[in-house]
Amino acid sequence: ELNKQWRNKNMPTDVLSFCALEGEQFPKTDEGQILGEIFISTEKAK
């Protein structure tokens, strides 16, 4: 679903990475900058 929504590829993939704000200043939280989010399909990894 994420691959379809963000990459227009309607198939499972092993890993997807999303940079917090590509090309811009990273947003900040109480814990510091949010650099990004990584999704890993454990099914695909297996």
ModelCIF file with pLDDT and N, C-alpha, C, O atoms, coordinates in Angstrom:
data_MODEL
#
_entry.id   MODEL 
#
_entity.id                         1 
_entity.type                       polymer 
_entity.pdbx_number_of_molecules   1 
#
_entity_poly.entity_id                      1 
_entity_poly.type                           'polypeptide(L)' 
_entity_poly.nstd_linkage                   no 
_entity_poly.nstd_monomer                   no 
_entity_poly.pdbx_seq_one_letter_code       ELNKQWRNKNMPTDVLSFCALEGEQFPKTDEGQILGEIFISTEKAK 
_entity_poly.pdbx_seq_one_letter_code_can   ELNKQWRNKNMPTDVLSFCALEGEQFPKTDEGQILGEIFISTEKAK 
_entity_poly.pdbx_strand_id                 A 
#
loop_
_entity_poly_seq.entity_id 
_entity_poly_seq.num 
_entity_poly_seq.mon_id 
_entity_poly_seq.hetero 
1 1  GLU n 
1 2  LEU n 
1 3  ASN n 
1 4  LYS n 
1 5  GLN n 
1 6  TRP n 
1 7  ARG n 
1 8  ASN n 
1 9  LYS n 
1 10 ASN n 
1 11 MET n 
1 12 PRO n 
1 13 THR n 
1 14 ASP n 
1 15 VAL n 
1 16 LEU n 
1 17 SER n 
1 18 PHE n 
1 19 CYS n 
1 20 ALA n 
1 21 LEU n 
1 22 GLU n 
1 23 GLY n 
1 24 GLU n 
1 25 GLN n 
1 26 PHE n 
1 27 PRO n 
1 28 LYS n 
1 29 THR n 
1 30 ASP n 
1 31 GLU n 
1 32 GLY n 
1 33 GLN n 
1 34 ILE n 
1 35 LEU n 
1 36 GLY n 
1 37 GLU n 
1 38 ILE n 
1 39 PHE n 
1 40 ILE n 
1 41 SER n 
1 42 THR n 
1 43 GLU n 
1 44 LYS n 
1 45 ALA n 
1 46 LYS n 
#
_struct_asym.id          A 
_struct_asym.entity_id   1 
#
loop_
_ma_qa_metric.id 
_ma_qa_metric.mode 
_ma_qa_metric.name 
_ma_qa_metric.software_group_id 
_ma_qa_metric.type 
1 global pLDDT . pLDDT 
2 local  pLDDT . pLDDT 
#
_ma_qa_metric_global.metric_id      1 
_ma_qa_metric_global.metric_value   83.41 
_ma_qa_metric_global.model_id       1 
_ma_qa_metric_global.ordinal_id     1 
#
loop_
_ma_qa_metric_local.label_asym_id 
_ma_qa_metric_local.label_comp_id 
_ma_qa_metric_local.label_seq_id 
_ma_qa_metric_local.metric_id 
_ma_qa_metric_local.metric_value 
_ma_qa_metric_local.model_id 
_ma_qa_metric_local.ordinal_id 
A GLU 1  2 97.00 1 1  
A LEU 2  2 95.00 1 2  
A ASN 3  2 95.00 1 3  
A LYS 4  2 96.00 1 4  
A GLN 5  2 95.00 1 5  
A TRP 6  2 92.00 1 6  
A ARG 7  2 93.00 1 7  
A ASN 8  2 95.00 1 8  
A LYS 9  2 95.00 1 9  
A ASN 10 2 97.00 1 10 
A MET 11 2 96.00 1 11 
A PRO 12 2 96.00 1 12 
A THR 13 2 97.00 1 13 
A ASP 14 2 97.00 1 14 
A VAL 15 2 97.00 1 15 
A LEU 16 2 96.00 1 16 
A SER 17 2 94.00 1 17 
A PHE 18 2 92.00 1 18 
A CYS 19 2 86.00 1 19 
A ALA 20 2 77.00 1 20 
A LEU 21 2 59.00 1 21 
A GLU 22 2 50.00 1 22 
A GLY 23 2 50.00 1 23 
A GLU 24 2 53.00 1 24 
A GLN 25 2 54.00 1 25 
A PHE 26 2 54.00 1 26 
A PRO 27 2 57.00 1 27 
A LYS 28 2 60.00 1 28 
A THR 29 2 58.00 1 29 
A ASP 30 2 59.00 1 30 
A GLU 31 2 60.00 1 31 
A GLY 32 2 65.00 1 32 
A GLN 33 2 75.00 1 33 
A ILE 34 2 81.00 1 34 
A LEU 35 2 87.00 1 35 
A GLY 36 2 89.00 1 36 
A GLU 37 2 91.00 1 37 
A ILE 38 2 94.00 1 38 
A PHE 39 2 96.00 1 39 
A ILE 40 2 96.00 1 40 
A SER 41 2 96.00 1 41 
A THR 42 2 94.00 1 42 
A GLU 43 2 94.00 1 43 
A LYS 44 2 96.00 1 44 
A ALA 45 2 96.00 1 45 
A LYS 46 2 95.00 1 46 
#
loop_
_atom_site.group_PDB 
_atom_site.id 
_atom_site.type_symbol 
_atom_site.label_atom_id 
_atom_site.label_alt_id 
_atom_site.label_comp_id 
_atom_site.label_asym_id 
_atom_site.label_entity_id 
_atom_site.label_seq_id 
_atom_site.pdbx_PDB_ins_code 
_atom_site.Cartn_x 
_atom_site.Cartn_y 
_atom_site.Cartn_z 
_atom_site.occupancy 
_atom_site.B_iso_or_equiv 
_atom_site.pdbx_formal_charge 
_atom_site.auth_seq_id 
_atom_site.auth_comp_id 
_atom_site.auth_asym_id 
_atom_site.auth_atom_id 
_atom_site.pdbx_PDB_model_num 
ATOM 1   N N  . GLU A 1 1  ? 0.831  -1.211  0.000  1.00 97.00 ? 1  GLU A N  1 
ATOM 2   C CA . GLU A 1 1  ? 0.000  0.000   0.000  1.00 97.00 ? 1  GLU A CA 1 
ATOM 3   C C  . GLU A 1 1  ? 0.867  1.262   0.000  1.00 97.00 ? 1  GLU A C  1 
ATOM 4   O O  . GLU A 1 1  ? 0.590  2.215   -0.729 1.00 97.00 ? 1  GLU A O  1 
ATOM 5   N N  . LEU A 1 2  ? 1.905  1.258   0.816  1.00 95.00 ? 2  LEU A N  1 
ATOM 6   C CA . LEU A 1 2  ? 2.814  2.409   0.843  1.00 95.00 ? 2  LEU A CA 1 
ATOM 7   C C  . LEU A 1 2  ? 3.540  2.568   -0.487 1.00 95.00 ? 2  LEU A C  1 
ATOM 8   O O  . LEU A 1 2  ? 3.695  3.679   -0.993 1.00 95.00 ? 2  LEU A O  1 
ATOM 9   N N  . ASN A 1 3  ? 3.981  1.450   -1.045 1.00 95.00 ? 3  ASN A N  1 
ATOM 10  C CA . ASN A 1 3  ? 4.692  1.479   -2.326 1.00 95.00 ? 3  ASN A CA 1 
ATOM 11  C C  . ASN A 1 3  ? 3.784  2.019   -3.423 1.00 95.00 ? 3  ASN A C  1 
ATOM 12  O O  . ASN A 1 3  ? 4.227  2.783   -4.281 1.00 95.00 ? 3  ASN A O  1 
ATOM 13  N N  . LYS A 1 4  ? 2.526  1.628   -3.396 1.00 96.00 ? 4  LYS A N  1 
ATOM 14  C CA . LYS A 1 4  ? 1.548  2.101   -4.385 1.00 96.00 ? 4  LYS A CA 1 
ATOM 15  C C  . LYS A 1 4  ? 1.294  3.601   -4.201 1.00 96.00 ? 4  LYS A C  1 
ATOM 16  O O  . LYS A 1 4  ? 1.279  4.362   -5.169 1.00 96.00 ? 4  LYS A O  1 
ATOM 17  N N  . GLN A 1 5  ? 1.099  4.008   -2.961 1.00 95.00 ? 5  GLN A N  1 
ATOM 18  C CA . GLN A 1 5  ? 0.781  5.404   -2.666 1.00 95.00 ? 5  GLN A CA 1 
ATOM 19  C C  . GLN A 1 5  ? 1.933  6.346   -2.987 1.00 95.00 ? 5  GLN A C  1 
ATOM 20  O O  . GLN A 1 5  ? 1.713  7.407   -3.572 1.00 95.00 ? 5  GLN A O  1 
ATOM 21  N N  . TRP A 1 6  ? 3.159  5.979   -2.615 1.00 92.00 ? 6  TRP A N  1 
ATOM 22  C CA . TRP A 1 6  ? 4.274  6.908   -2.708 1.00 92.00 ? 6  TRP A CA 1 
ATOM 23  C C  . TRP A 1 6  ? 5.177  6.708   -3.911 1.00 92.00 ? 6  TRP A C  1 
ATOM 24  O O  . TRP A 1 6  ? 5.884  7.631   -4.313 1.00 92.00 ? 6  TRP A O  1 
ATOM 25  N N  . ARG A 1 7  ? 5.164  5.501   -4.499 1.00 93.00 ? 7  ARG A N  1 
ATOM 26  C CA . ARG A 1 7  ? 6.048  5.239   -5.636 1.00 93.00 ? 7  ARG A CA 1 
ATOM 27  C C  . ARG A 1 7  ? 5.278  4.796   -6.875 1.00 93.00 ? 7  ARG A C  1 
ATOM 28  O O  . ARG A 1 7  ? 5.866  4.523   -7.921 1.00 93.00 ? 7  ARG A O  1 
ATOM 29  N N  . ASN A 1 8  ? 3.953  4.729   -6.743 1.00 95.00 ? 8  ASN A N  1 
ATOM 30  C CA . ASN A 1 8  ? 3.085  4.319   -7.848 1.00 95.00 ? 8  ASN A CA 1 
ATOM 31  C C  . ASN A 1 8  ? 3.448  2.922   -8.358 1.00 95.00 ? 8  ASN A C  1 
ATOM 32  O O  . ASN A 1 8  ? 3.339  2.641   -9.552 1.00 95.00 ? 8  ASN A O  1 
ATOM 33  N N  . LYS A 1 9  ? 3.881  2.050   -7.439 1.00 95.00 ? 9  LYS A N  1 
ATOM 34  C CA . LYS A 1 9  ? 4.224  0.665   -7.774 1.00 95.00 ? 9  LYS A CA 1 
ATOM 35  C C  . LYS A 1 9  ? 3.349  -0.241  -6.918 1.00 95.00 ? 9  LYS A C  1 
ATOM 36  O O  . LYS A 1 9  ? 3.521  -0.310  -5.701 1.00 95.00 ? 9  LYS A O  1 
ATOM 37  N N  . ASN A 1 10 ? 2.418  -0.929  -7.553 1.00 97.00 ? 10 ASN A N  1 
ATOM 38  C CA . ASN A 1 10 ? 1.445  -1.741  -6.837 1.00 97.00 ? 10 ASN A CA 1 
ATOM 39  C C  . ASN A 1 10 ? 1.978  -3.152  -6.609 1.00 97.00 ? 10 ASN A C  1 
ATOM 40  O O  . ASN A 1 10 ? 1.467  -4.123  -7.168 1.00 97.00 ? 10 ASN A O  1 
ATOM 41  N N  . MET A 1 11 ? 3.013  -3.246  -5.778 1.00 96.00 ? 11 MET A N  1 
ATOM 42  C CA . MET A 1 11 ? 3.590  -4.547  -5.436 1.00 96.00 ? 11 MET A CA 1 
ATOM 43  C C  . MET A 1 11 ? 4.350  -4.396  -4.121 1.00 96.00 ? 11 MET A C  1 
ATOM 44  O O  . MET A 1 11 ? 4.814  -3.308  -3.779 1.00 96.00 ? 11 MET A O  1 
ATOM 45  N N  . PRO A 1 12 ? 4.469  -5.503  -3.393 1.00 96.00 ? 12 PRO A N  1 
ATOM 46  C CA . PRO A 1 12 ? 5.249  -5.407  -2.155 1.00 96.00 ? 12 PRO A CA 1 
ATOM 47  C C  . PRO A 1 12 ? 6.721  -5.213  -2.479 1.00 96.00 ? 12 PRO A C  1 
ATOM 48  O O  . PRO A 1 12 ? 7.206  -5.643  -3.526 1.00 96.00 ? 12 PRO A O  1 
ATOM 49  N N  . THR A 1 13 ? 7.411  -4.569  -1.576 1.00 97.00 ? 13 THR A N  1 
ATOM 50  C CA . THR A 1 13 ? 8.848  -4.364  -1.699 1.00 97.00 ? 13 THR A CA 1 
ATOM 51  C C  . THR A 1 13 ? 9.481  -4.717  -0.358 1.00 97.00 ? 13 THR A C  1 
ATOM 52  O O  . THR A 1 13 ? 8.773  -4.930  0.625  1.00 97.00 ? 13 THR A O  1 
ATOM 53  N N  . ASP A 1 14 ? 10.790 -4.778  -0.314 1.00 97.00 ? 14 ASP A N  1 
ATOM 54  C CA . ASP A 1 14 ? 11.450 -5.166  0.925  1.00 97.00 ? 14 ASP A CA 1 
ATOM 55  C C  . ASP A 1 14 ? 11.613 -4.008  1.903  1.00 97.00 ? 14 ASP A C  1 
ATOM 56  O O  . ASP A 1 14 ? 11.391 -4.169  3.103  1.00 97.00 ? 14 ASP A O  1 
ATOM 57  N N  . VAL A 1 15 ? 11.999 -2.844  1.392  1.00 97.00 ? 15 VAL A N  1 
ATOM 58  C CA . VAL A 1 15 ? 12.259 -1.699  2.259  1.00 97.00 ? 15 VAL A CA 1 
ATOM 59  C C  . VAL A 1 15 ? 11.846 -0.408  1.558  1.00 97.00 ? 15 VAL A C  1 
ATOM 60  O O  . VAL A 1 15 ? 12.039 -0.248  0.353  1.00 97.00 ? 15 VAL A O  1 
ATOM 61  N N  . LEU A 1 16 ? 11.279 0.501   2.329  1.00 96.00 ? 16 LEU A N  1 
ATOM 62  C CA . LEU A 1 16 ? 10.963 1.845   1.861  1.00 96.00 ? 16 LEU A CA 1 
ATOM 63  C C  . LEU A 1 16 ? 11.528 2.833   2.866  1.00 96.00 ? 16 LEU A C  1 
ATOM 64  O O  . LEU A 1 16 ? 11.443 2.626   4.076  1.00 96.00 ? 16 LEU A O  1 
ATOM 65  N N  . SER A 1 17 ? 12.102 3.901   2.354  1.00 94.00 ? 17 SER A N  1 
ATOM 66  C CA . SER A 1 17 ? 12.658 4.948   3.219  1.00 94.00 ? 17 SER A CA 1 
ATOM 67  C C  . SER A 1 17 ? 12.016 6.272   2.861  1.00 94.00 ? 17 SER A C  1 
ATOM 68  O O  . SER A 1 17 ? 11.809 6.593   1.691  1.00 94.00 ? 17 SER A O  1 
ATOM 69  N N  . PHE A 1 18 ? 11.711 7.021   3.881  1.00 92.00 ? 18 PHE A N  1 
ATOM 70  C CA . PHE A 1 18 ? 11.136 8.346   3.686  1.00 92.00 ? 18 PHE A CA 1 
ATOM 71  C C  . PHE A 1 18 ? 11.961 9.342   4.480  1.00 92.00 ? 18 PHE A C  1 
ATOM 72  O O  . PHE A 1 18 ? 12.023 9.284   5.708  1.00 92.00 ? 18 PHE A O  1 
ATOM 73  N N  . CYS A 1 19 ? 12.589 10.249  3.765  1.00 86.00 ? 19 CYS A N  1 
ATOM 74  C CA . CYS A 1 19 ? 13.345 11.318  4.405  1.00 86.00 ? 19 CYS A CA 1 
ATOM 75  C C  . CYS A 1 19 ? 12.324 12.315  4.958  1.00 86.00 ? 19 CYS A C  1 
ATOM 76  O O  . CYS A 1 19 ? 11.316 12.588  4.306  1.00 86.00 ? 19 CYS A O  1 
ATOM 77  N N  . ALA A 1 20 ? 12.569 12.856  6.141  1.00 77.00 ? 20 ALA A N  1 
ATOM 78  C CA . ALA A 1 20 ? 11.591 13.718  6.808  1.00 77.00 ? 20 ALA A CA 1 
ATOM 79  C C  . ALA A 1 20 ? 11.158 14.892  5.922  1.00 77.00 ? 20 ALA A C  1 
ATOM 80  O O  . ALA A 1 20 ? 9.962  15.078  5.698  1.00 77.00 ? 20 ALA A O  1 
ATOM 81  N N  . LEU A 1 21 ? 12.068 15.650  5.438  1.00 59.00 ? 21 LEU A N  1 
ATOM 82  C CA . LEU A 1 21 ? 11.769 16.745  4.514  1.00 59.00 ? 21 LEU A CA 1 
ATOM 83  C C  . LEU A 1 21 ? 12.928 16.855  3.544  1.00 59.00 ? 21 LEU A C  1 
ATOM 84  O O  . LEU A 1 21 ? 13.853 17.641  3.749  1.00 59.00 ? 21 LEU A O  1 
ATOM 85  N N  . GLU A 1 22 ? 12.871 16.073  2.501  1.00 50.00 ? 22 GLU A N  1 
ATOM 86  C CA . GLU A 1 22 ? 13.984 15.990  1.572  1.00 50.00 ? 22 GLU A CA 1 
ATOM 87  C C  . GLU A 1 22 ? 14.375 17.360  1.050  1.00 50.00 ? 22 GLU A C  1 
ATOM 88  O O  . GLU A 1 22 ? 13.541 18.120  0.559  1.00 50.00 ? 22 GLU A O  1 
ATOM 89  N N  . GLY A 1 23 ? 15.662 17.657  1.165  1.00 50.00 ? 23 GLY A N  1 
ATOM 90  C CA . GLY A 1 23 ? 16.180 18.907  0.625  1.00 50.00 ? 23 GLY A CA 1 
ATOM 91  C C  . GLY A 1 23 ? 15.925 20.113  1.512  1.00 50.00 ? 23 GLY A C  1 
ATOM 92  O O  . GLY A 1 23 ? 16.321 21.223  1.155  1.00 50.00 ? 23 GLY A O  1 
ATOM 93  N N  . GLU A 1 24 ? 15.283 19.934  2.648  1.00 53.00 ? 24 GLU A N  1 
ATOM 94  C CA . GLU A 1 24 ? 15.001 21.044  3.537  1.00 53.00 ? 24 GLU A CA 1 
ATOM 95  C C  . GLU A 1 24 ? 15.553 20.737  4.921  1.00 53.00 ? 24 GLU A C  1 
ATOM 96  O O  . GLU A 1 24 ? 16.096 19.660  5.166  1.00 53.00 ? 24 GLU A O  1 
ATOM 97  N N  . GLN A 1 25 ? 15.407 21.694  5.812  1.00 54.00 ? 25 GLN A N  1 
ATOM 98  C CA . GLN A 1 25 ? 15.830 21.491  7.195  1.00 54.00 ? 25 GLN A CA 1 
ATOM 99  C C  . GLN A 1 25 ? 14.971 20.400  7.825  1.00 54.00 ? 25 GLN A C  1 
ATOM 100 O O  . GLN A 1 25 ? 13.752 20.399  7.658  1.00 54.00 ? 25 GLN A O  1 
ATOM 101 N N  . PHE A 1 26 ? 15.589 19.484  8.541  1.00 54.00 ? 26 PHE A N  1 
ATOM 102 C CA . PHE A 1 26 ? 14.841 18.430  9.210  1.00 54.00 ? 26 PHE A CA 1 
ATOM 103 C C  . PHE A 1 26 ? 13.983 19.033  10.318 1.00 54.00 ? 26 PHE A C  1 
ATOM 104 O O  . PHE A 1 26 ? 14.439 19.933  11.024 1.00 54.00 ? 26 PHE A O  1 
ATOM 105 N N  . PRO A 1 27 ? 12.745 18.554  10.484 1.00 57.00 ? 27 PRO A N  1 
ATOM 106 C CA . PRO A 1 27 ? 11.910 19.070  11.576 1.00 57.00 ? 27 PRO A CA 1 
ATOM 107 C C  . PRO A 1 27 ? 12.483 18.639  12.928 1.00 57.00 ? 27 PRO A C  1 
ATOM 108 O O  . PRO A 1 27 ? 13.210 17.650  13.019 1.00 57.00 ? 27 PRO A O  1 
ATOM 109 N N  . LYS A 1 28 ? 12.146 19.394  13.972 1.00 60.00 ? 28 LYS A N  1 
ATOM 110 C CA . LYS A 1 28 ? 12.669 19.094  15.301 1.00 60.00 ? 28 LYS A CA 1 
ATOM 111 C C  . LYS A 1 28 ? 11.534 18.674  16.230 1.00 60.00 ? 28 LYS A C  1 
ATOM 112 O O  . LYS A 1 28 ? 10.401 19.139  16.107 1.00 60.00 ? 28 LYS A O  1 
ATOM 113 N N  . THR A 1 29 ? 11.867 17.785  17.161 1.00 58.00 ? 29 THR A N  1 
ATOM 114 C CA . THR A 1 29 ? 10.967 17.394  18.236 1.00 58.00 ? 29 THR A CA 1 
ATOM 115 C C  . THR A 1 29 ? 11.737 17.583  19.539 1.00 58.00 ? 29 THR A C  1 
ATOM 116 O O  . THR A 1 29 ? 12.885 18.029  19.536 1.00 58.00 ? 29 THR A O  1 
ATOM 117 N N  . ASP A 1 30 ? 11.100 17.241  20.641 1.00 59.00 ? 30 ASP A N  1 
ATOM 118 C CA . ASP A 1 30 ? 11.796 17.316  21.933 1.00 59.00 ? 30 ASP A CA 1 
ATOM 119 C C  . ASP A 1 30 ? 13.016 16.411  21.957 1.00 59.00 ? 30 ASP A C  1 
ATOM 120 O O  . ASP A 1 30 ? 13.956 16.654  22.713 1.00 59.00 ? 30 ASP A O  1 
ATOM 121 N N  . GLU A 1 31 ? 13.007 15.362  21.131 1.00 60.00 ? 31 GLU A N  1 
ATOM 122 C CA . GLU A 1 31 ? 14.112 14.401  21.095 1.00 60.00 ? 31 GLU A CA 1 
ATOM 123 C C  . GLU A 1 31 ? 15.131 14.731  20.014 1.00 60.00 ? 31 GLU A C  1 
ATOM 124 O O  . GLU A 1 31 ? 16.062 13.955  19.799 1.00 60.00 ? 31 GLU A O  1 
ATOM 125 N N  . GLY A 1 32 ? 14.983 15.847  19.336 1.00 65.00 ? 32 GLY A N  1 
ATOM 126 C CA . GLY A 1 32 ? 15.923 16.226  18.286 1.00 65.00 ? 32 GLY A CA 1 
ATOM 127 C C  . GLY A 1 32 ? 15.255 16.194  16.920 1.00 65.00 ? 32 GLY A C  1 
ATOM 128 O O  . GLY A 1 32 ? 14.030 16.144  16.807 1.00 65.00 ? 32 GLY A O  1 
ATOM 129 N N  . GLN A 1 33 ? 16.083 16.224  15.895 1.00 75.00 ? 33 GLN A N  1 
ATOM 130 C CA . GLN A 1 33 ? 15.578 16.223  14.518 1.00 75.00 ? 33 GLN A CA 1 
ATOM 131 C C  . GLN A 1 33 ? 14.999 14.862  14.152 1.00 75.00 ? 33 GLN A C  1 
ATOM 132 O O  . GLN A 1 33 ? 15.504 13.819  14.565 1.00 75.00 ? 33 GLN A O  1 
ATOM 133 N N  . ILE A 1 34 ? 13.950 14.899  13.384 1.00 81.00 ? 34 ILE A N  1 
ATOM 134 C CA . ILE A 1 34 ? 13.425 13.666  12.801 1.00 81.00 ? 34 ILE A CA 1 
ATOM 135 C C  . ILE A 1 34 ? 14.084 13.531  11.439 1.00 81.00 ? 34 ILE A C  1 
ATOM 136 O O  . ILE A 1 34 ? 13.873 14.362  10.555 1.00 81.00 ? 34 ILE A O  1 
ATOM 137 N N  . LEU A 1 35 ? 14.877 12.491  11.270 1.00 87.00 ? 35 LEU A N  1 
ATOM 138 C CA . LEU A 1 35 ? 15.605 12.313  10.013 1.00 87.00 ? 35 LEU A CA 1 
ATOM 139 C C  . LEU A 1 35 ? 14.771 11.587  8.977  1.00 87.00 ? 35 LEU A C  1 
ATOM 140 O O  . LEU A 1 35 ? 14.831 11.913  7.792  1.00 87.00 ? 35 LEU A O  1 
ATOM 141 N N  . GLY A 1 36 ? 13.992 10.605  9.412  1.00 89.00 ? 36 GLY A N  1 
ATOM 142 C CA . GLY A 1 36 ? 13.175 9.879   8.460  1.00 89.00 ? 36 GLY A CA 1 
ATOM 143 C C  . GLY A 1 36 ? 12.610 8.610   9.051  1.00 89.00 ? 36 GLY A C  1 
ATOM 144 O O  . GLY A 1 36 ? 12.763 8.320   10.237 1.00 89.00 ? 36 GLY A O  1 
ATOM 145 N N  . GLU A 1 37 ? 11.949 7.861   8.184  1.00 91.00 ? 37 GLU A N  1 
ATOM 146 C CA . GLU A 1 37 ? 11.270 6.639   8.584  1.00 91.00 ? 37 GLU A CA 1 
ATOM 147 C C  . GLU A 1 37 ? 11.607 5.537   7.596  1.00 91.00 ? 37 GLU A C  1 
ATOM 148 O O  . GLU A 1 37 ? 11.621 5.753   6.384  1.00 91.00 ? 37 GLU A O  1 
ATOM 149 N N  . ILE A 1 38 ? 11.880 4.355   8.129  1.00 94.00 ? 38 ILE A N  1 
ATOM 150 C CA . ILE A 1 38 ? 12.196 3.189   7.309  1.00 94.00 ? 38 ILE A CA 1 
ATOM 151 C C  . ILE A 1 38 ? 11.150 2.124   7.588  1.00 94.00 ? 38 ILE A C  1 
ATOM 152 O O  . ILE A 1 38 ? 10.862 1.816   8.745  1.00 94.00 ? 38 ILE A O  1 
ATOM 153 N N  . PHE A 1 39 ? 10.578 1.561   6.524  1.00 96.00 ? 39 PHE A N  1 
ATOM 154 C CA . PHE A 1 39 ? 9.629  0.456   6.636  1.00 96.00 ? 39 PHE A CA 1 
ATOM 155 C C  . PHE A 1 39 ? 10.285 -0.784  6.052  1.00 96.00 ? 39 PHE A C  1 
ATOM 156 O O  . PHE A 1 39 ? 10.814 -0.745  4.941  1.00 96.00 ? 39 PHE A O  1 
ATOM 157 N N  . ILE A 1 40 ? 10.253 -1.885  6.794  1.00 96.00 ? 40 ILE A N  1 
ATOM 158 C CA . ILE A 1 40 ? 10.779 -3.155  6.305  1.00 96.00 ? 40 ILE A CA 1 
ATOM 159 C C  . ILE A 1 40 ? 9.678  -4.192  6.397  1.00 96.00 ? 40 ILE A C  1 
ATOM 160 O O  . ILE A 1 40 ? 9.068  -4.374  7.451  1.00 96.00 ? 40 ILE A O  1 
ATOM 161 N N  . SER A 1 41 ? 9.426  -4.870  5.285  1.00 96.00 ? 41 SER A N  1 
ATOM 162 C CA . SER A 1 41 ? 8.483  -5.986  5.283  1.00 96.00 ? 41 SER A CA 1 
ATOM 163 C C  . SER A 1 41 ? 9.222  -7.226  5.774  1.00 96.00 ? 41 SER A C  1 
ATOM 164 O O  . SER A 1 41 ? 10.135 -7.716  5.110  1.00 96.00 ? 41 SER A O  1 
ATOM 165 N N  . THR A 1 42 ? 8.821  -7.730  6.944  1.00 94.00 ? 42 THR A N  1 
ATOM 166 C CA . THR A 1 42 ? 9.474  -8.933  7.461  1.00 94.00 ? 42 THR A CA 1 
ATOM 167 C C  . THR A 1 42 ? 9.137  -10.140 6.593  1.00 94.00 ? 42 THR A C  1 
ATOM 168 O O  . THR A 1 42 ? 9.928  -11.078 6.498  1.00 94.00 ? 42 THR A O  1 
ATOM 169 N N  . GLU A 1 43 ? 7.967  -10.119 5.960  1.00 94.00 ? 43 GLU A N  1 
ATOM 170 C CA . GLU A 1 43 ? 7.618  -11.219 5.044  1.00 94.00 ? 43 GLU A CA 1 
ATOM 171 C C  . GLU A 1 43 ? 8.587  -11.266 3.870  1.00 94.00 ? 43 GLU A C  1 
ATOM 172 O O  . GLU A 1 43 ? 9.119  -12.324 3.533  1.00 94.00 ? 43 GLU A O  1 
ATOM 173 N N  . LYS A 1 44 ? 8.810  -10.116 3.255  1.00 96.00 ? 44 LYS A N  1 
ATOM 174 C CA . LYS A 1 44 ? 9.718  -10.034 2.112  1.00 96.00 ? 44 LYS A CA 1 
ATOM 175 C C  . LYS A 1 44 ? 11.152 -10.341 2.548  1.00 96.00 ? 44 LYS A C  1 
ATOM 176 O O  . LYS A 1 44 ? 11.898 -11.008 1.830  1.00 96.00 ? 44 LYS A O  1 
ATOM 177 N N  . ALA A 1 45 ? 11.528 -9.852  3.721  1.00 96.00 ? 45 ALA A N  1 
ATOM 178 C CA . ALA A 1 45 ? 12.875 -10.109 4.229  1.00 96.00 ? 45 ALA A CA 1 
ATOM 179 C C  . ALA A 1 45 ? 13.098 -11.606 4.440  1.00 96.00 ? 45 ALA A C  1 
ATOM 180 O O  . ALA A 1 45 ? 14.181 -12.116 4.156  1.00 96.00 ? 45 ALA A O  1 
ATOM 181 N N  . LYS A 1 46 ? 12.090 -12.306 4.930  1.00 95.00 ? 46 LYS A N  1 
ATOM 182 C CA . LYS A 1 46 ? 12.208 -13.762 5.124  1.00 95.00 ? 46 LYS A CA 1 
ATOM 183 C C  . LYS A 1 46 ? 12.388 -14.475 3.783  1.00 95.00 ? 46 LYS A C  1 
ATOM 184 O O  . LYS A 1 46 ? 12.505 -15.700 3.746  1.00 95.00 ? 46 LYS A O  1 
#
